[in-house]
Amino acid sequence: MSKKFDLVVKSGSYTSNGAEKARWKTIGAVMDDGKGGMYAFIDASFNPAGIARKEGSESIMVSFFEPKERGQSAPSPAPEPTPEPEKESTEIPF
């Protein structure tokens, strides 16, 4: 029987109700064909250089998670931070 795992990286963080939360990105999947073979699919647009890592480390951590069953409620997407409105300038632009 084949088995699938989602490949997930921590792509950042955000604050919700005063608590810092992790922002996760699914970058692909690992499949086990059930016959001793395993293979991975990785999103072609994923750039590992954009993932934060510990100072001095040359690698990133990729987590494996069993995918959620269809019909299960998925976690809400992380809200995007709202930019602060620009302050009106009292200076003349010339």
Protein backbone atom coordinates (compact mmCIF):
# COMPACT_ATOMS: atom_id res chain seq x y z
CA MET A 1 0.00 0.00 0.00
CA SER A 2 1.42 3.39 -0.94
CA LYS A 3 1.78 6.16 1.60
CA LYS A 4 2.02 9.92 1.09
CA PHE A 5 3.54 12.64 3.29
CA ASP A 6 3.39 16.39 2.67
CA LEU A 7 6.76 18.20 2.72
CA VAL A 8 6.36 21.37 4.80
CA VAL A 9 8.73 24.20 5.81
CA LYS A 10 8.33 27.07 8.25
CA SER A 11 8.28 30.09 5.97
CA GLY A 12 7.89 32.81 8.58
CA SER A 13 5.75 33.94 11.47
CA TYR A 14 2.96 36.36 12.28
CA THR A 15 1.22 37.70 15.37
CA SER A 16 -2.38 36.81 16.14
CA ASN A 17 -4.09 38.07 19.29
CA GLY A 18 -0.69 38.93 20.77
CA ALA A 19 0.75 35.43 20.20
CA GLU A 20 3.44 34.64 17.64
CA LYS A 21 2.38 31.88 15.25
CA ALA A 22 4.30 29.97 12.57
CA ARG A 23 3.52 30.36 8.89
CA TRP A 24 3.87 27.03 7.04
CA LYS A 25 4.28 26.29 3.33
CA THR A 26 3.71 22.92 1.69
CA ILE A 27 6.54 22.49 -0.81
CA GLY A 28 5.78 19.03 -2.14
CA ALA A 29 5.16 15.42 -1.18
CA VAL A 30 7.04 12.19 -0.51
CA MET A 31 5.50 8.96 -1.73
CA ASP A 32 6.22 5.41 -0.62
CA ASP A 33 5.16 3.02 -3.37
CA GLY A 34 4.72 0.13 -0.92
CA LYS A 35 7.39 -1.95 -2.70
CA GLY A 36 10.43 -0.46 -0.98
CA GLY A 37 10.74 2.56 -3.27
CA MET A 38 10.28 6.18 -2.25
CA TYR A 39 10.19 9.33 -4.35
CA ALA A 40 9.52 13.05 -3.84
CA PHE A 41 7.72 15.76 -5.75
CA ILE A 42 8.95 19.29 -4.96
CA ASP A 43 7.27 22.50 -6.11
CA ALA A 44 9.48 23.82 -8.94
CA SER A 45 9.03 27.42 -7.72
CA PHE A 46 10.25 26.62 -4.18
CA ASN A 47 13.57 28.32 -3.37
CA PRO A 48 15.19 26.93 -0.20
CA ALA A 49 17.44 30.01 0.00
CA GLY A 50 14.38 31.98 1.13
CA ILE A 51 13.82 29.85 4.25
CA ALA A 52 15.33 31.16 7.49
CA ARG A 53 17.91 28.94 9.20
CA LYS A 54 19.93 29.04 12.38
CA GLU A 55 23.06 31.15 12.23
CA GLY A 56 25.98 29.06 11.02
CA SER A 57 23.76 26.29 9.63
CA GLU A 58 23.94 25.33 5.97
CA SER A 59 20.68 23.38 5.93
CA ILE A 60 16.95 23.92 6.42
CA MET A 61 14.48 21.62 8.14
CA VAL A 62 11.71 20.03 6.06
CA SER A 63 8.93 18.33 8.03
CA PHE A 64 6.84 15.35 6.86
CA PHE A 65 3.14 15.40 7.75
CA GLU A 66 0.39 12.99 6.83
CA PRO A 67 -2.06 14.91 4.64
CA LYS A 68 -5.45 15.79 6.07
CA GLU A 69 -8.33 13.63 4.90
CA ARG A 70 -10.63 15.30 2.40
CA GLY A 71 -13.58 16.77 4.23
CA GLN A 72 -11.60 17.50 7.38
CA SER A 73 -11.42 21.16 8.20
CA ALA A 74 -8.10 22.60 7.25
CA PRO A 75 -6.48 25.26 9.42
CA SER A 76 -7.33 28.80 8.44
CA PRO A 77 -4.72 30.48 6.30
CA ALA A 78 -2.50 32.86 8.21
CA PRO A 79 -3.70 36.43 7.96
CA GLU A 80 -1.46 38.76 6.04
CA PRO A 81 -0.10 41.61 8.15
CA THR A 82 -1.92 44.87 7.51
CA PRO A 83 0.39 47.64 6.42
CA GLU A 84 0.24 50.82 8.44
CA PRO A 85 -1.33 53.70 6.54
CA GLU A 86 1.12 56.28 5.32
CA LYS A 87 1.08 59.53 7.27
CA GLU A 88 0.12 62.57 5.31
CA SER A 89 3.06 64.80 4.67
CA THR A 90 2.76 68.50 5.39
CA GLU A 91 5.75 69.24 3.19
CA ILE A 92 5.43 70.59 -0.32
CA PRO A 93 6.83 67.96 -2.73
CA PHE A 94 9.08 70.41 -4.66
